[in-house]
Amino acid sequence: MTRRILIALLLLFVAADAHAVLIRGQVYVQFPQGMAPMGGATVQLCVVGYPQCMGYMTGYDGLYYFNVNPGTYYVVVNGTPRIPPFFVPNQPYYDLVPVQGN
C-alpha cells in the first residue's frame, strides 16, 4: 500500500513541475530580391489530436509567440501547415525554425 502512495505522490510532483513554455518563431516572405519578415501573417499553433488551435498575427518583424504546456504541436501559417508535429519539452523557452509564409 505504501508503494502505491509513493508512486501517486511522485506522479503528482512530476505533473506539478510542468510549467508553461514560451514558443517563439518567425515568418518571412520570399521576394525576388531576397527574404523579409512577414508582418500580418496568421499563425496557428495546434495541439496534435485536438480540434482547436490557438491563433496569433505576426508583428512587423514577423515574430510570433505562444505560451503552452509541454506537449506535441504543429504550426499552420496563412492556412497552410508549415511545421510538422514537434514535441515541446518542459523548459522556459522553445525556438522554432523560421518558416516561409508565401
C-alpha atoms as a PDB file:
ATOM      1  CA  MET A   1       0.000   0.000   0.000  1.00  0.00           C
ATOM      2  CA  THR A   2       2.770   2.491   0.799  1.00  0.00           C
ATOM      3  CA  ARG A   3       4.361   1.794  -2.583  1.00  0.00           C
ATOM      4  CA  ARG A   4       1.156   2.921  -4.357  1.00  0.00           C
ATOM      5  CA  ILE A   5       1.047   6.099  -2.282  1.00  0.00           C
ATOM      6  CA  LEU A   6       4.690   6.799  -3.076  1.00  0.00           C
ATOM      7  CA  ILE A   7       4.068   6.339  -6.802  1.00  0.00           C
ATOM      8  CA  ALA A   8       0.977   8.585  -6.662  1.00  0.00           C
ATOM      9  CA  LEU A   9       2.937  11.314  -4.853  1.00  0.00           C
ATOM     10  CA  LEU A  10       5.761  11.028  -7.355  1.00  0.00           C
ATOM     11  CA  LEU A  11       3.311  11.433 -10.255  1.00  0.00           C
ATOM     12  CA  LEU A  12       1.756  14.486  -8.603  1.00  0.00           C
ATOM     13  CA  PHE A  13       5.187  16.008  -8.054  1.00  0.00           C
ATOM     14  CA  VAL A  14       6.248  15.460 -11.673  1.00  0.00           C
ATOM     15  CA  ALA A  15       2.922  16.764 -13.047  1.00  0.00           C
ATOM     16  CA  ALA A  16       3.086  19.856 -10.829  1.00  0.00           C
ATOM     17  CA  ASP A  17       6.585  20.600 -12.147  1.00  0.00           C
ATOM     18  CA  ALA A  18       5.342  21.167 -15.717  1.00  0.00           C
ATOM     19  CA  HIS A  19       5.350  24.901 -16.463  1.00  0.00           C
ATOM     20  CA  ALA A  20       4.215  26.976 -19.407  1.00  0.00           C
ATOM     21  CA  VAL A  21       6.746  27.165 -22.219  1.00  0.00           C
ATOM     22  CA  LEU A  22       7.184  30.269 -24.382  1.00  0.00           C
ATOM     23  CA  ILE A  23       7.309  29.175 -28.024  1.00  0.00           C
ATOM     24  CA  ARG A  24       8.927  31.705 -30.355  1.00  0.00           C
ATOM     25  CA  GLY A  25       9.130  31.715 -34.132  1.00  0.00           C
ATOM     26  CA  GLN A  26       9.311  33.930 -37.203  1.00  0.00           C
ATOM     27  CA  VAL A  27       7.523  34.037 -40.540  1.00  0.00           C
ATOM     28  CA  TYR A  28       9.259  35.502 -43.570  1.00  0.00           C
ATOM     29  CA  VAL A  29       8.232  36.253 -47.152  1.00  0.00           C
ATOM     30  CA  GLN A  30      10.347  35.420 -50.203  1.00  0.00           C
ATOM     31  CA  PHE A  31      10.856  38.197 -52.776  1.00  0.00           C
ATOM     32  CA  PRO A  32      12.998  38.072 -55.925  1.00  0.00           C
ATOM     33  CA  GLN A  33      15.431  40.373 -54.103  1.00  0.00           C
ATOM     34  CA  GLY A  34      15.605  38.139 -51.018  1.00  0.00           C
ATOM     35  CA  MET A  35      13.740  37.403 -47.798  1.00  0.00           C
ATOM     36  CA  ALA A  36      11.998  39.799 -45.417  1.00  0.00           C
ATOM     37  CA  PRO A  37       9.922  39.420 -42.219  1.00  0.00           C
ATOM     38  CA  MET A  38       6.221  38.882 -42.937  1.00  0.00           C
ATOM     39  CA  GLY A  39       4.108  41.213 -40.817  1.00  0.00           C
ATOM     40  CA  GLY A  40       0.420  40.387 -40.532  1.00  0.00           C
ATOM     41  CA  ALA A  41       0.795  36.650 -41.129  1.00  0.00           C
ATOM     42  CA  THR A  42      -1.799  34.446 -39.423  1.00  0.00           C
ATOM     43  CA  VAL A  43      -0.115  31.769 -37.317  1.00  0.00           C
ATOM     44  CA  GLN A  44      -1.973  28.928 -35.622  1.00  0.00           C
ATOM     45  CA  LEU A  45      -0.447  26.586 -33.076  1.00  0.00           C
ATOM     46  CA  CYS A  46      -2.385  23.340 -32.942  1.00  0.00           C
ATOM     47  CA  VAL A  47      -2.241  20.502 -30.431  1.00  0.00           C
ATOM     48  CA  VAL A  48      -1.930  17.135 -32.163  1.00  0.00           C
ATOM     49  CA  GLY A  49      -5.194  15.241 -31.696  1.00  0.00           C
ATOM     50  CA  TYR A  50      -7.183  18.277 -30.541  1.00  0.00           C
ATOM     51  CA  PRO A  51      -9.584  20.022 -32.958  1.00  0.00           C
ATOM     52  CA  GLN A  52      -8.948  23.653 -31.915  1.00  0.00           C
ATOM     53  CA  CYS A  53      -5.885  25.836 -32.456  1.00  0.00           C
ATOM     54  CA  MET A  54      -4.522  28.997 -30.855  1.00  0.00           C
ATOM     55  CA  GLY A  55      -4.154  31.965 -33.209  1.00  0.00           C
ATOM     56  CA  TYR A  56      -1.709  34.853 -33.477  1.00  0.00           C
ATOM     57  CA  MET A  57      -0.947  37.579 -36.029  1.00  0.00           C
ATOM     58  CA  THR A  58       2.701  38.427 -36.518  1.00  0.00           C
ATOM     59  CA  GLY A  59       4.016  41.915 -35.914  1.00  0.00           C
ATOM     60  CA  TYR A  60       6.064  43.970 -38.377  1.00  0.00           C
ATOM     61  CA  ASP A  61       9.071  41.786 -37.561  1.00  0.00           C
ATOM     62  CA  GLY A  62       7.290  38.519 -38.471  1.00  0.00           C
ATOM     63  CA  LEU A  63       7.654  37.168 -34.927  1.00  0.00           C
ATOM     64  CA  TYR A  64       5.035  35.151 -33.073  1.00  0.00           C
ATOM     65  CA  TYR A  65       4.770  33.829 -29.521  1.00  0.00           C
ATOM     66  CA  PHE A  66       2.649  31.269 -27.684  1.00  0.00           C
ATOM     67  CA  ASN A  67       2.593  30.219 -24.021  1.00  0.00           C
ATOM     68  CA  VAL A  68       1.826  26.498 -23.918  1.00  0.00           C
ATOM     69  CA  ASN A  69       2.213  23.432 -21.756  1.00  0.00           C
ATOM     70  CA  PRO A  70       4.708  20.765 -22.783  1.00  0.00           C
ATOM     71  CA  GLY A  71       3.236  18.526 -25.467  1.00  0.00           C
ATOM     72  CA  THR A  72       3.066  17.808 -29.195  1.00  0.00           C
ATOM     73  CA  TYR A  73       2.070  20.627 -31.563  1.00  0.00           C
ATOM     74  CA  TYR A  74       2.187  21.688 -35.219  1.00  0.00           C
ATOM     75  CA  VAL A  75       2.185  25.137 -36.861  1.00  0.00           C
ATOM     76  CA  VAL A  76      -0.125  26.453 -39.607  1.00  0.00           C
ATOM     77  CA  VAL A  77       0.798  29.728 -41.341  1.00  0.00           C
ATOM     78  CA  ASN A  78      -1.762  31.552 -43.509  1.00  0.00           C
ATOM     79  CA  GLY A  79      -3.853  28.375 -43.688  1.00  0.00           C
ATOM     80  CA  THR A  80      -1.011  26.043 -44.740  1.00  0.00           C
ATOM     81  CA  PRO A  81       0.735  23.589 -42.373  1.00  0.00           C
ATOM     82  CA  ARG A  82       4.365  24.754 -42.245  1.00  0.00           C
ATOM     83  CA  ILE A  83       5.959  22.914 -39.328  1.00  0.00           C
ATOM     84  CA  PRO A  84       5.166  19.212 -38.882  1.00  0.00           C
ATOM     85  CA  PRO A  85       4.386  17.816 -35.416  1.00  0.00           C
ATOM     86  CA  PHE A  86       7.069  18.527 -32.819  1.00  0.00           C
ATOM     87  CA  PHE A  87       7.391  17.964 -29.080  1.00  0.00           C
ATOM     88  CA  VAL A  88       7.734  20.940 -26.720  1.00  0.00           C
ATOM     89  CA  PRO A  89       9.782  19.909 -23.661  1.00  0.00           C
ATOM     90  CA  ASN A  90       9.372  21.323 -20.157  1.00  0.00           C
ATOM     91  CA  GLN A  91      11.763  24.294 -20.363  1.00  0.00           C
ATOM     92  CA  PRO A  92      11.308  28.078 -20.250  1.00  0.00           C
ATOM     93  CA  TYR A  93      11.726  28.785 -23.994  1.00  0.00           C
ATOM     94  CA  TYR A  94      11.425  26.802 -27.213  1.00  0.00           C
ATOM     95  CA  ASP A  95      12.507  28.378 -30.519  1.00  0.00           C
ATOM     96  CA  LEU A  96      11.107  27.168 -33.824  1.00  0.00           C
ATOM     97  CA  VAL A  97      12.790  27.353 -37.196  1.00  0.00           C
ATOM     98  CA  PRO A  98      11.778  30.345 -39.338  1.00  0.00           C
ATOM     99  CA  VAL A  99       9.085  29.485 -41.904  1.00  0.00           C
ATOM    100  CA  GLN A 100       8.080  30.941 -45.243  1.00  0.00           C
ATOM    101  CA  GLY A 101       4.610  32.461 -45.261  1.00  0.00           C
ATOM    102  CA  ASN A 102       4.044  32.665 -49.019  1.00  0.00           C
END
